[in-house]
Amino acid sequence: MSFALPENMRDYIDARVSDGRYGNTSEYLRELIRRDQHEQAAQRLRDLIADGLASGEGREATDDVIAELRERALDADA
């Protein structure tokens, strides 16, 4: 994969690598991607929690309810 960056961004990345925390540019970029993936997952969880809170009254988590929710979740992934 290759891409172009403006000079000021390349200089910034070079400075981050030079300060010793990252061994090279690829390590720095991988770390940024991992952070973004983590933030996206955390945002998805926050959205799901907000949806759950807004969905109304809760119900007891019986085995039947858990099985229904599991089935709905698996159907949503398909």
PDB file of N, CA and C in Angstrom:
ATOM      1  N   MET A   1       0.855  -1.165   0.000  1.00  0.00           N
ATOM      2  CA  MET A   1       0.000   0.000   0.000  1.00  0.00           C
ATOM      3  C   MET A   1       0.900   1.227   0.000  1.00  0.00           C
ATOM      4  N   SER A   2       0.546   2.154  -0.831  1.00  0.00           N
ATOM      5  CA  SER A   2       1.313   3.395  -0.797  1.00  0.00           C
ATOM      6  C   SER A   2       0.356   4.565  -0.942  1.00  0.00           C
ATOM      7  N   PHE A   3       0.736   5.675  -0.365  1.00  0.00           N
ATOM      8  CA  PHE A   3      -0.091   6.874  -0.411  1.00  0.00           C
ATOM      9  C   PHE A   3       0.797   8.083  -0.197  1.00  0.00           C
ATOM     10  N   ALA A   4       0.288   9.221  -0.574  1.00  0.00           N
ATOM     11  CA  ALA A   4       1.051  10.464  -0.451  1.00  0.00           C
ATOM     12  C   ALA A   4       0.530  11.270   0.736  1.00  0.00           C
ATOM     13  N   LEU A   5       1.438  11.888   1.437  1.00  0.00           N
ATOM     14  CA  LEU A   5       1.094  12.771   2.543  1.00  0.00           C
ATOM     15  C   LEU A   5       1.732  14.131   2.314  1.00  0.00           C
ATOM     16  N   PRO A   6       1.088  15.175   2.799  1.00  0.00           N
ATOM     17  CA  PRO A   6       1.724  16.491   2.719  1.00  0.00           C
ATOM     18  C   PRO A   6       3.018  16.509   3.535  1.00  0.00           C
ATOM     19  N   GLU A   7       3.901  17.369   3.150  1.00  0.00           N
ATOM     20  CA  GLU A   7       5.218  17.478   3.803  1.00  0.00           C
ATOM     21  C   GLU A   7       5.097  17.648   5.321  1.00  0.00           C
ATOM     22  N   ASN A   8       4.168  18.493   5.778  1.00  0.00           N
ATOM     23  CA  ASN A   8       4.064  18.727   7.222  1.00  0.00           C
ATOM     24  C   ASN A   8       3.634  17.452   7.972  1.00  0.00           C
ATOM     25  N   MET A   9       2.829  16.605   7.348  1.00  0.00           N
ATOM     26  CA  MET A   9       2.464  15.346   7.991  1.00  0.00           C
ATOM     27  C   MET A   9       3.628  14.368   8.004  1.00  0.00           C
ATOM     28  N   ARG A  10       4.377  14.322   6.917  1.00  0.00           N
ATOM     29  CA  ARG A  10       5.566  13.456   6.896  1.00  0.00           C
ATOM     30  C   ARG A  10       6.554  13.892   7.966  1.00  0.00           C
ATOM     31  N   ASP A  11       6.748  15.207   8.106  1.00  0.00           N
ATOM     32  CA  ASP A  11       7.661  15.718   9.137  1.00  0.00           C
ATOM     33  C   ASP A  11       7.173  15.331  10.530  1.00  0.00           C
ATOM     34  N   TYR A  12       5.870  15.422  10.742  1.00  0.00           N
ATOM     35  CA  TYR A  12       5.311  15.067  12.048  1.00  0.00           C
ATOM     36  C   TYR A  12       5.553  13.595  12.350  1.00  0.00           C
ATOM     37  N   ILE A  13       5.273  12.735  11.382  1.00  0.00           N
ATOM     38  CA  ILE A  13       5.491  11.300  11.573  1.00  0.00           C
ATOM     39  C   ILE A  13       6.962  11.014  11.828  1.00  0.00           C
ATOM     40  N   ASP A  14       7.834  11.635  11.070  1.00  0.00           N
ATOM     41  CA  ASP A  14       9.277  11.452  11.278  1.00  0.00           C
ATOM     42  C   ASP A  14       9.678  11.856  12.690  1.00  0.00           C
ATOM     43  N   ALA A  15       9.102  12.938  13.196  1.00  0.00           N
ATOM     44  CA  ALA A  15       9.415  13.389  14.555  1.00  0.00           C
ATOM     45  C   ALA A  15       8.924  12.375  15.581  1.00  0.00           C
ATOM     46  N   ARG A  16       7.745  11.802  15.366  1.00  0.00           N
ATOM     47  CA  ARG A  16       7.221  10.797  16.298  1.00  0.00           C
ATOM     48  C   ARG A  16       8.103   9.553  16.307  1.00  0.00           C
ATOM     49  N   VAL A  17       8.590   9.163  15.144  1.00  0.00           N
ATOM     50  CA  VAL A  17       9.480   8.008  15.059  1.00  0.00           C
ATOM     51  C   VAL A  17      10.818   8.345  15.714  1.00  0.00           C
ATOM     52  N   SER A  18      11.313   9.555  15.478  1.00  0.00           N
ATOM     53  CA  SER A  18      12.613   9.969  16.029  1.00  0.00           C
ATOM     54  C   SER A  18      12.615  10.042  17.548  1.00  0.00           C
ATOM     55  N   ASP A  19      11.444  10.306  18.155  1.00  0.00           N
ATOM     56  CA  ASP A  19      11.435  10.421  19.617  1.00  0.00           C
ATOM     57  C   ASP A  19      11.587   9.065  20.309  1.00  0.00           C
ATOM     58  N   GLY A  20      11.604   7.974  19.521  1.00  0.00           N
ATOM     59  CA  GLY A  20      11.947   6.668  20.059  1.00  0.00           C
ATOM     60  C   GLY A  20      10.790   5.758  20.429  1.00  0.00           C
ATOM     61  N   ARG A  21       9.579   6.256  20.435  1.00  0.00           N
ATOM     62  CA  ARG A  21       8.461   5.402  20.817  1.00  0.00           C
ATOM     63  C   ARG A  21       8.136   4.384  19.731  1.00  0.00           C
ATOM     64  N   TYR A  22       8.364   4.751  18.485  1.00  0.00           N
ATOM     65  CA  TYR A  22       8.081   3.872  17.342  1.00  0.00           C
ATOM     66  C   TYR A  22       9.382   3.586  16.610  1.00  0.00           C
ATOM     67  N   GLY A  23       9.540   2.347  16.153  1.00  0.00           N
ATOM     68  CA  GLY A  23      10.756   1.960  15.458  1.00  0.00           C
ATOM     69  C   GLY A  23      10.822   2.478  14.032  1.00  0.00           C
ATOM     70  N   ASN A  24       9.638   2.663  13.430  1.00  0.00           N
ATOM     71  CA  ASN A  24       9.609   3.157  12.053  1.00  0.00           C
ATOM     72  C   ASN A  24       8.210   3.698  11.746  1.00  0.00           C
ATOM     73  N   THR A  25       8.058   4.237  10.564  1.00  0.00           N
ATOM     74  CA  THR A  25       6.790   4.836  10.149  1.00  0.00           C
ATOM     75  C   THR A  25       5.664   3.814  10.162  1.00  0.00           C
ATOM     76  N   SER A  26       5.926   2.602   9.720  1.00  0.00           N
ATOM     77  CA  SER A  26       4.891   1.574   9.686  1.00  0.00           C
ATOM     78  C   SER A  26       4.352   1.270  11.073  1.00  0.00           C
ATOM     79  N   GLU A  27       5.229   1.203  12.070  1.00  0.00           N
ATOM     80  CA  GLU A  27       4.775   0.959  13.441  1.00  0.00           C
ATOM     81  C   GLU A  27       3.853   2.076  13.906  1.00  0.00           C
ATOM     82  N   TYR A  28       4.207   3.305  13.581  1.00  0.00           N
ATOM     83  CA  TYR A  28       3.395   4.452  13.974  1.00  0.00           C
ATOM     84  C   TYR A  28       2.012   4.373  13.323  1.00  0.00           C
ATOM     85  N   LEU A  29       1.973   4.098  12.042  1.00  0.00           N
ATOM     86  CA  LEU A  29       0.698   4.023  11.329  1.00  0.00           C
ATOM     87  C   LEU A  29      -0.147   2.851  11.823  1.00  0.00           C
ATOM     88  N   ARG A  30       0.477   1.710  12.100  1.00  0.00           N
ATOM     89  CA  ARG A  30      -0.275   0.572  12.642  1.00  0.00           C
ATOM     90  C   ARG A  30      -0.906   0.929  13.988  1.00  0.00           C
ATOM     91  N   GLU A  31      -0.160   1.635  14.817  1.00  0.00           N
ATOM     92  CA  GLU A  31      -0.686   2.061  16.119  1.00  0.00           C
ATOM     93  C   GLU A  31      -1.894   2.987  15.930  1.00  0.00           C
ATOM     94  N   LEU A  32      -1.822   3.914  14.998  1.00  0.00           N
ATOM     95  CA  LEU A  32      -2.962   4.791  14.735  1.00  0.00           C
ATOM     96  C   LEU A  32      -4.178   4.001  14.279  1.00  0.00           C
ATOM     97  N   ILE A  33      -3.964   3.016  13.437  1.00  0.00           N
ATOM     98  CA  ILE A  33      -5.068   2.191  12.952  1.00  0.00           C
ATOM     99  C   ILE A  33      -5.665   1.380  14.095  1.00  0.00           C
ATOM    100  N   ARG A  34      -4.818   0.796  14.950  1.00  0.00           N
ATOM    101  CA  ARG A  34      -5.324   0.043  16.102  1.00  0.00           C
ATOM    102  C   ARG A  34      -6.161   0.941  17.013  1.00  0.00           C
ATOM    103  N   ARG A  35      -5.676   2.153  17.262  1.00  0.00           N
ATOM    104  CA  ARG A  35      -6.436   3.094  18.097  1.00  0.00           C
ATOM    105  C   ARG A  35      -7.786   3.409  17.466  1.00  0.00           C
ATOM    106  N   ASP A  36      -7.795   3.616  16.162  1.00  0.00           N
ATOM    107  CA  ASP A  36      -9.049   3.909  15.464  1.00  0.00           C
ATOM    108  C   ASP A  36     -10.003   2.717  15.553  1.00  0.00           C
ATOM    109  N   GLN A  37      -9.480   1.514  15.375  1.00  0.00           N
ATOM    110  CA  GLN A  37     -10.324   0.322  15.492  1.00  0.00           C
ATOM    111  C   GLN A  37     -10.920   0.224  16.892  1.00  0.00           C
ATOM    112  N   HIS A  38     -10.103   0.484  17.893  1.00  0.00           N
ATOM    113  CA  HIS A  38     -10.570   0.441  19.273  1.00  0.00           C
ATOM    114  C   HIS A  38     -11.655   1.493  19.501  1.00  0.00           C
ATOM    115  N   GLU A  39     -11.435   2.701  19.013  1.00  0.00           N
ATOM    116  CA  GLU A  39     -12.412   3.776  19.185  1.00  0.00           C
ATOM    117  C   GLU A  39     -13.714   3.458  18.462  1.00  0.00           C
ATOM    118  N   GLN A  40     -13.627   2.874  17.283  1.00  0.00           N
ATOM    119  CA  GLN A  40     -14.840   2.493  16.557  1.00  0.00           C
ATOM    120  C   GLN A  40     -15.621   1.431  17.323  1.00  0.00           C
ATOM    121  N   ALA A  41     -14.932   0.458  17.891  1.00  0.00           N
ATOM    122  CA  ALA A  41     -15.593  -0.580  18.687  1.00  0.00           C
ATOM    123  C   ALA A  41     -16.228   0.034  19.937  1.00  0.00           C
ATOM    124  N   ALA A  42     -15.518   0.949  20.591  1.00  0.00           N
ATOM    125  CA  ALA A  42     -16.052   1.607  21.787  1.00  0.00           C
ATOM    126  C   ALA A  42     -17.276   2.446  21.430  1.00  0.00           C
ATOM    127  N   GLN A  43     -17.234   3.131  20.290  1.00  0.00           N
ATOM    128  CA  GLN A  43     -18.385   3.926  19.865  1.00  0.00           C
ATOM    129  C   GLN A  43     -19.575   3.027  19.567  1.00  0.00           C
ATOM    130  N   ARG A  44     -19.332   1.883  18.936  1.00  0.00           N
ATOM    131  CA  ARG A  44     -20.409   0.923  18.657  1.00  0.00           C
ATOM    132  C   ARG A  44     -21.042   0.453  19.958  1.00  0.00           C
ATOM    133  N   LEU A  45     -20.231   0.177  20.961  1.00  0.00           N
ATOM    134  CA  LEU A  45     -20.754  -0.245  22.264  1.00  0.00           C
ATOM    135  C   LEU A  45     -21.576   0.877  22.893  1.00  0.00           C
ATOM    136  N   ARG A  46     -21.067   2.117  22.850  1.00  0.00           N
ATOM    137  CA  ARG A  46     -21.822   3.246  23.398  1.00  0.00           C
ATOM    138  C   ARG A  46     -23.166   3.401  22.688  1.00  0.00           C
ATOM    139  N   ASP A  47     -23.161   3.236  21.356  1.00  0.00           N
ATOM    140  CA  ASP A  47     -24.408   3.338  20.589  1.00  0.00           C
ATOM    141  C   ASP A  47     -25.391   2.239  20.986  1.00  0.00           C
ATOM    142  N   LEU A  48     -24.886   1.015  21.148  1.00  0.00           N
ATOM    143  CA  LEU A  48     -25.755  -0.092  21.547  1.00  0.00           C
ATOM    144  C   LEU A  48     -26.336   0.124  22.943  1.00  0.00           C
ATOM    145  N   ILE A  49     -25.527   0.631  23.845  1.00  0.00           N
ATOM    146  CA  ILE A  49     -26.016   0.917  25.202  1.00  0.00           C
ATOM    147  C   ILE A  49     -27.089   1.994  25.151  1.00  0.00           C
ATOM    148  N   ALA A  50     -26.843   3.054  24.381  1.00  0.00           N
ATOM    149  CA  ALA A  50     -27.838   4.129  24.258  1.00  0.00           C
ATOM    150  C   ALA A  50     -29.132   3.602  23.650  1.00  0.00           C
ATOM    151  N   ASP A  51     -29.016   2.756  22.630  1.00  0.00           N
ATOM    152  CA  ASP A  51     -30.207   2.159  22.022  1.00  0.00           C
ATOM    153  C   ASP A  51     -30.969   1.319  23.049  1.00  0.00           C
ATOM    154  N   GLY A  52     -30.225   0.550  23.831  1.00  0.00           N
ATOM    155  CA  GLY A  52     -30.859  -0.285  24.847  1.00  0.00           C
ATOM    156  C   GLY A  52     -31.575   0.547  25.897  1.00  0.00           C
ATOM    157  N   LEU A  53     -30.936   1.609  26.345  1.00  0.00           N
ATOM    158  CA  LEU A  53     -31.559   2.472  27.350  1.00  0.00           C
ATOM    159  C   LEU A  53     -32.806   3.159  26.802  1.00  0.00           C
ATOM    160  N   ALA A  54     -32.780   3.478  25.521  1.00  0.00           N
ATOM    161  CA  ALA A  54     -33.915   4.169  24.900  1.00  0.00           C
ATOM    162  C   ALA A  54     -35.028   3.212  24.480  1.00  0.00           C
ATOM    163  N   SER A  55     -34.789   1.922  24.572  1.00  0.00           N
ATOM    164  CA  SER A  55     -35.755   0.954  24.048  1.00  0.00           C
ATOM    165  C   SER A  55     -36.918   0.664  24.983  1.00  0.00           C
ATOM    166  N   GLY A  56     -36.860   1.192  26.172  1.00  0.00           N
ATOM    167  CA  GLY A  56     -37.992   1.005  27.074  1.00  0.00           C
ATOM    168  C   GLY A  56     -37.674   0.099  28.239  1.00  0.00           C
ATOM    169  N   GLU A  57     -38.745  -0.362  28.840  1.00  0.00           N
ATOM    170  CA  GLU A  57     -38.658  -1.194  30.042  1.00  0.00           C
ATOM    171  C   GLU A  57     -37.873  -2.474  29.770  1.00  0.00           C
ATOM    172  N   GLY A  58     -37.057  -2.850  30.711  1.00  0.00           N
ATOM    173  CA  GLY A  58     -36.288  -4.079  30.584  1.00  0.00           C
ATOM    174  C   GLY A  58     -37.132  -5.292  30.928  1.00  0.00           C
ATOM    175  N   ARG A  59     -36.554  -6.456  30.709  1.00  0.00           N
ATOM    176  CA  ARG A  59     -37.238  -7.695  31.086  1.00  0.00           C
ATOM    177  C   ARG A  59     -36.218  -8.651  31.684  1.00  0.00           C
ATOM    178  N   GLU A  60     -36.713  -9.586  32.463  1.00  0.00           N
ATOM    179  CA  GLU A  60     -35.838 -10.538  33.132  1.00  0.00           C
ATOM    180  C   GLU A  60     -35.083 -11.370  32.101  1.00  0.00           C
ATOM    181  N   ALA A  61     -33.812 -11.591  32.368  1.00  0.00           N
ATOM    182  CA  ALA A  61     -32.953 -12.341  31.440  1.00  0.00           C
ATOM    183  C   ALA A  61     -33.068 -13.834  31.708  1.00  0.00           C
ATOM    184  N   THR A  62     -34.182 -14.407  31.300  1.00  0.00           N
ATOM    185  CA  THR A  62     -34.379 -15.849  31.438  1.00  0.00           C
ATOM    186  C   THR A  62     -33.606 -16.556  30.324  1.00  0.00           C
ATOM    187  N   ASP A  63     -33.507 -17.864  30.424  1.00  0.00           N
ATOM    188  CA  ASP A  63     -32.831 -18.639  29.375  1.00  0.00           C
ATOM    189  C   ASP A  63     -33.505 -18.430  28.021  1.00  0.00           C
ATOM    190  N   ASP A  64     -34.849 -18.354  28.030  1.00  0.00           N
ATOM    191  CA  ASP A  64     -35.577 -18.141  26.771  1.00  0.00           C
ATOM    192  C   ASP A  64     -35.267 -16.771  26.167  1.00  0.00           C
ATOM    193  N   VAL A  65     -35.222 -15.758  26.998  1.00  0.00           N
ATOM    194  CA  VAL A  65     -34.924 -14.403  26.516  1.00  0.00           C
ATOM    195  C   VAL A  65     -33.506 -14.353  25.954  1.00  0.00           C
ATOM    196  N   ILE A  66     -32.569 -14.955  26.651  1.00  0.00           N
ATOM    197  CA  ILE A  66     -31.180 -14.968  26.188  1.00  0.00           C
ATOM    198  C   ILE A  66     -31.071 -15.711  24.861  1.00  0.00           C
ATOM    199  N   ALA A  67     -31.756 -16.835  24.729  1.00  0.00           N
ATOM    200  CA  ALA A  67     -31.737 -17.597  23.476  1.00  0.00           C
ATOM    201  C   ALA A  67     -32.329 -16.767  22.336  1.00  0.00           C
ATOM    202  N   GLU A  68     -33.416 -16.043  22.613  1.00  0.00           N
ATOM    203  CA  GLU A  68     -34.034 -15.188  21.589  1.00  0.00           C
ATOM    204  C   GLU A  68     -33.074 -14.078  21.158  1.00  0.00           C
ATOM    205  N   LEU A  69     -32.439 -13.441  22.119  1.00  0.00           N
ATOM    206  CA  LEU A  69     -31.498 -12.365  21.801  1.00  0.00           C
ATOM    207  C   LEU A  69     -30.295 -12.894  21.023  1.00  0.00           C
ATOM    208  N   ARG A  70     -29.811 -14.072  21.406  1.00  0.00           N
ATOM    209  CA  ARG A  70     -28.689 -14.679  20.688  1.00  0.00           C
ATOM    210  C   ARG A  70     -29.078 -14.948  19.243  1.00  0.00           C
ATOM    211  N   GLU A  71     -30.260 -15.498  19.044  1.00  0.00           N
ATOM    212  CA  GLU A  71     -30.740 -15.789  17.690  1.00  0.00           C
ATOM    213  C   GLU A  71     -30.878 -14.499  16.875  1.00  0.00           C
ATOM    214  N   ARG A  72     -31.427 -13.455  17.476  1.00  0.00           N
ATOM    215  CA  ARG A  72     -31.563 -12.181  16.773  1.00  0.00           C
ATOM    216  C   ARG A  72     -30.196 -11.597  16.401  1.00  0.00           C
ATOM    217  N   ALA A  73     -29.238 -11.729  17.292  1.00  0.00           N
ATOM    218  CA  ALA A  73     -27.902 -11.202  17.029  1.00  0.00           C
ATOM    219  C   ALA A  73     -27.234 -11.969  15.887  1.00  0.00           C
ATOM    220  N   LEU A  74     -27.387 -13.283  15.882  1.00  0.00           N
ATOM    221  CA  LEU A  74     -26.805 -14.081  14.817  1.00  0.00           C
ATOM    222  C   LEU A  74     -27.468 -13.794  13.480  1.00  0.00           C
ATOM    223  N   ASP A  75     -28.790 -13.587  13.477  1.00  0.00           N
ATOM    224  CA  ASP A  75     -29.498 -13.236  12.248  1.00  0.00           C
ATOM    225  C   ASP A  75     -29.054 -11.879  11.717  1.00  0.00           C
ATOM    226  N   ALA A  76     -28.770 -10.944  12.614  1.00  0.00           N
ATOM    227  CA  ALA A  76     -28.346  -9.602  12.214  1.00  0.00           C
ATOM    228  C   ALA A  76     -26.960  -9.639  11.550  1.00  0.00           C
ATOM    229  N   ASP A  77     -26.116 -10.574  11.973  1.00  0.00           N
ATOM    230  CA  ASP A  77     -24.764 -10.692  11.400  1.00  0.00           C
ATOM    231  C   ASP A  77     -24.774 -11.341  10.034  1.00  0.00           C
ATOM    232  N   ALA A  78     -25.812 -12.090   9.723  1.00  0.00           N
ATOM    233  CA  ALA A  78     -25.867 -12.838   8.460  1.00  0.00           C
ATOM    234  C   ALA A  78     -26.119 -11.949   7.268  1.00  0.00           C
TER     235      ALA A  78
END
